[in-house]
Protein backbone atom coordinates (compact mmCIF):
# COMPACT_ATOMS: atom_id res chain seq x y z
CA MET A 1 18.48 -30.01 -51.02
CA ARG A 2 19.26 -31.79 -54.23
CA ILE A 3 22.32 -32.80 -55.57
CA THR A 4 22.20 -33.12 -59.61
CA CYS A 5 25.06 -35.58 -59.46
CA MET A 6 26.31 -37.89 -56.61
CA ASP A 7 29.51 -38.42 -58.74
CA ASN A 8 30.80 -34.93 -58.29
CA THR A 9 33.48 -35.28 -55.76
CA PHE A 10 36.74 -33.89 -54.89
CA GLU A 11 38.23 -37.06 -55.86
CA ASN A 12 37.16 -36.98 -59.49
CA PHE A 13 37.43 -33.25 -60.40
CA LYS A 14 39.45 -32.68 -62.77
CA PRO A 15 41.59 -29.46 -61.94
CA ARG A 16 42.76 -27.65 -64.99
CA PRO A 17 44.29 -23.69 -64.84
CA GLY A 18 42.45 -21.46 -63.37
CA THR A 19 40.50 -23.79 -60.66
CA GLU A 20 43.33 -23.90 -57.94
CA LEU A 21 41.97 -21.36 -55.86
CA SER A 22 38.56 -22.14 -55.99
CA LEU A 23 39.72 -25.82 -55.18
CA ARG A 24 41.49 -25.26 -52.41
CA ALA A 25 39.01 -22.91 -50.61
CA PHE A 26 36.08 -25.48 -51.24
CA LYS A 27 38.08 -28.20 -49.95
CA ALA A 28 38.98 -26.31 -46.88
CA LEU A 29 35.37 -25.21 -46.19
CA ALA A 30 34.28 -29.05 -46.75
CA ASP A 31 36.84 -30.69 -44.53
CA GLY A 32 36.75 -27.75 -41.70
CA THR A 33 40.11 -26.70 -41.92
CA THR A 34 39.23 -22.96 -42.31
CA ASP A 35 37.76 -20.62 -39.78
CA LYS A 36 35.96 -18.39 -42.65
CA PRO A 37 32.25 -19.23 -42.83
CA PHE A 38 31.71 -17.69 -45.94
CA LEU A 39 32.78 -18.36 -49.56
CA PHE A 40 32.02 -16.64 -52.58
CA CYS A 41 33.23 -17.97 -56.00
CA TYR A 42 32.43 -16.68 -59.32
CA GLY A 43 33.43 -17.79 -63.00
CA THR A 44 32.32 -18.37 -66.24
CA THR A 45 29.47 -20.90 -67.15
CA GLY A 46 31.03 -24.58 -67.07
CA CYS A 47 34.07 -23.99 -64.97
CA GLY A 48 33.22 -26.50 -62.31
CA LYS A 49 31.31 -23.96 -59.72
CA THR A 50 28.77 -26.55 -59.15
CA HIS A 51 30.70 -29.56 -59.04
CA LEU A 52 32.91 -28.03 -56.26
CA ILE A 53 29.84 -26.89 -54.69
CA GLU A 54 28.49 -30.76 -54.70
CA ALA A 55 31.79 -32.09 -53.84
CA THR A 56 31.76 -29.78 -50.88
CA ILE A 57 27.90 -31.00 -49.84
CA ILE A 58 29.01 -34.75 -50.46
CA ARG A 59 32.12 -34.20 -47.77
CA TRP A 60 29.82 -32.30 -45.48
CA LEU A 61 27.21 -35.67 -45.66
CA GLU A 62 30.44 -37.89 -45.20
CA ARG A 63 31.23 -35.85 -41.85
CA GLY A 64 27.42 -35.74 -40.90
CA ILE A 65 26.66 -32.25 -41.66
CA ILE A 66 23.19 -31.60 -43.55
CA CYS A 67 22.93 -28.25 -45.34
CA ARG A 68 20.42 -26.47 -47.72
CA TYR A 69 21.13 -26.02 -51.26
CA TYR A 70 19.29 -24.23 -53.88
CA THR A 71 19.88 -21.83 -56.83
CA VAL A 72 19.07 -18.39 -55.83
CA GLY A 73 16.21 -18.30 -58.25
CA GLU A 74 14.47 -21.20 -56.20
CA PHE A 75 15.09 -19.92 -53.06
CA LEU A 76 13.13 -16.62 -54.21
CA ALA A 77 10.26 -18.88 -55.80
CA LEU A 78 10.26 -20.37 -52.45
CA LEU A 79 9.53 -17.00 -50.73
CA LYS A 80 7.73 -15.79 -53.26
CA ALA A 81 5.26 -18.96 -53.31
CA ALA A 82 4.80 -18.32 -49.30
CA MET A 83 3.73 -14.99 -49.90
CA ASN A 84 1.19 -15.65 -52.32
CA ASP A 85 -0.53 -17.83 -50.08
CA ASN A 86 -1.25 -14.57 -48.05
CA ASP A 87 0.57 -15.87 -45.09
CA ARG A 88 3.03 -13.32 -44.20
CA ALA A 89 3.78 -15.81 -41.13
CA ASP A 90 4.40 -18.55 -43.59
CA GLU A 91 7.19 -16.50 -45.41
CA ALA A 92 8.74 -15.06 -42.37
CA GLU A 93 8.96 -18.52 -40.98
CA LEU A 94 10.95 -19.95 -44.06
CA PHE A 95 13.07 -16.91 -44.46
CA GLY A 96 13.94 -17.54 -40.92
CA ARG A 97 14.75 -21.10 -41.38
CA PHE A 98 17.24 -19.94 -44.27
CA CYS A 99 18.79 -17.51 -42.26
CA ASN A 100 19.37 -20.13 -39.21
CA ALA A 101 20.47 -22.77 -41.16
CA PRO A 102 23.82 -23.95 -40.01
CA TYR A 103 24.78 -24.40 -43.59
CA LEU A 104 23.63 -22.70 -46.59
CA VAL A 105 24.60 -22.95 -50.28
CA LEU A 106 23.12 -20.65 -52.81
CA ASP A 107 24.01 -21.13 -56.69
CA ASP A 108 23.77 -19.12 -59.60
CA LEU A 109 23.53 -15.77 -58.41
CA GLY A 110 22.49 -13.21 -60.68
CA LEU A 111 20.24 -15.15 -63.13
CA GLU A 112 16.73 -15.04 -62.38
CA TYR A 113 15.90 -11.90 -60.44
CA GLY A 114 16.60 -8.28 -59.97
CA THR A 115 14.00 -6.58 -58.10
CA LYS A 116 14.47 -4.23 -55.07
CA TRP A 117 12.47 -6.80 -53.04
CA GLU A 118 14.67 -9.73 -54.46
CA TYR A 119 17.89 -8.28 -53.52
CA SER A 120 16.60 -7.03 -49.93
CA ARG A 121 15.82 -10.33 -49.10
CA LEU A 122 19.18 -11.66 -50.14
CA GLU A 123 20.77 -8.98 -48.27
CA GLU A 124 18.97 -9.34 -45.45
CA LEU A 125 19.62 -13.62 -45.72
CA ILE A 126 23.32 -12.63 -45.93
CA ARG A 127 23.37 -10.14 -43.28
CA ARG A 128 21.72 -12.27 -40.80
CA ARG A 129 24.14 -15.15 -41.50
CA ASP A 130 26.92 -12.95 -41.55
CA ALA A 131 26.17 -11.96 -38.21
CA GLU A 132 25.99 -15.46 -36.49
CA ARG A 133 29.05 -16.71 -38.77
CA LEU A 134 27.09 -19.36 -40.25
CA VAL A 135 28.51 -21.32 -43.19
CA THR A 136 27.09 -19.95 -46.28
CA ILE A 137 28.58 -20.49 -49.87
CA MET A 138 27.47 -18.32 -52.69
CA ALA A 139 28.25 -19.00 -56.45
CA THR A 140 27.77 -16.82 -59.68
CA ASN A 141 28.75 -17.22 -63.38
CA ARG A 142 28.08 -13.22 -63.49
CA ASP A 143 31.19 -11.16 -64.22
CA ILE A 144 32.14 -10.02 -60.80
CA GLN A 145 33.28 -6.35 -62.11
CA GLN A 146 29.51 -6.23 -63.62
CA LEU A 147 28.04 -7.62 -60.58
CA GLN A 148 29.92 -4.52 -58.20
CA LYS A 149 27.86 -2.18 -60.57
CA GLU A 150 24.60 -3.43 -60.27
CA GLY A 151 21.74 -2.15 -58.05
CA ASP A 152 22.23 -3.51 -54.64
CA VAL A 153 24.44 -6.79 -55.30
CA PRO A 154 27.64 -4.29 -54.30
CA ARG A 155 26.24 -4.44 -50.66
CA LEU A 156 25.75 -8.37 -51.05
CA LEU A 157 29.25 -8.75 -52.47
CA SER A 158 30.27 -6.52 -49.53
CA ARG A 159 29.77 -8.92 -47.15
CA PHE A 160 31.73 -11.91 -48.98
CA SER A 161 34.63 -9.35 -49.37
CA ASP A 162 35.77 -9.31 -45.69
CA PRO A 163 38.93 -11.46 -45.27
CA ALA A 164 38.53 -12.07 -42.01
CA VAL A 165 35.76 -14.44 -42.61
CA SER A 166 35.05 -15.18 -46.18
CA GLU A 167 37.04 -16.15 -49.23
CA LEU A 168 36.16 -14.42 -52.52
CA VAL A 169 37.63 -16.57 -55.20
CA VAL A 170 37.47 -17.02 -59.10
CA ASN A 171 37.55 -20.37 -60.91
CA GLY A 172 39.23 -18.83 -63.81
CA ALA A 173 38.93 -22.01 -66.02
CA ILE A 174 37.05 -21.97 -69.35
CA ASP A 175 34.10 -24.16 -69.74
CA TYR A 176 34.65 -27.72 -69.53
CA ARG A 177 31.97 -28.80 -71.80
CA LEU A 178 33.95 -27.12 -74.57
CA ARG A 179 37.43 -28.70 -73.99
CA GLU A 180 38.21 -31.89 -75.66
CA GLU A 181 38.74 -34.66 -73.49
CA GLU A 182 42.78 -35.11 -73.02
């Protein structure tokens, strides 16, 4: 796990119009006040998704909860590296650790991949985590409507669309980096 900024807490998150739903969903998961183990957040680049992810992880750490945190590209690269070592058992064991981790965060869905194998690994990961109801956060800056039309992504998103176990929220803020300081 790596956090880019230990200062990215809920306390210093500056809510802007469009962040209400995502802020509420991340806080509920971080504080353990929701019974929904899945959270999928989407929104434009720079709208605060990664800040909220890191705030959630920091809150979990304060509560004694450890999670795995990677970008989707990093996760897939780890699996590929294990396969490139010509040891299928290593890849299966590594994949199993991701599938069974009590808390998993995957950021930046849809940026670095797109092959059938990559989608199938992501789908299998989410399917297995869903079956066990393990806490899973996924985020993307891709347009959700476009993602729903791409290859195998709709099957993946479907797991995050069940309102009984998941929050599917938009962070509708504009890029924080493009706004003038108030």
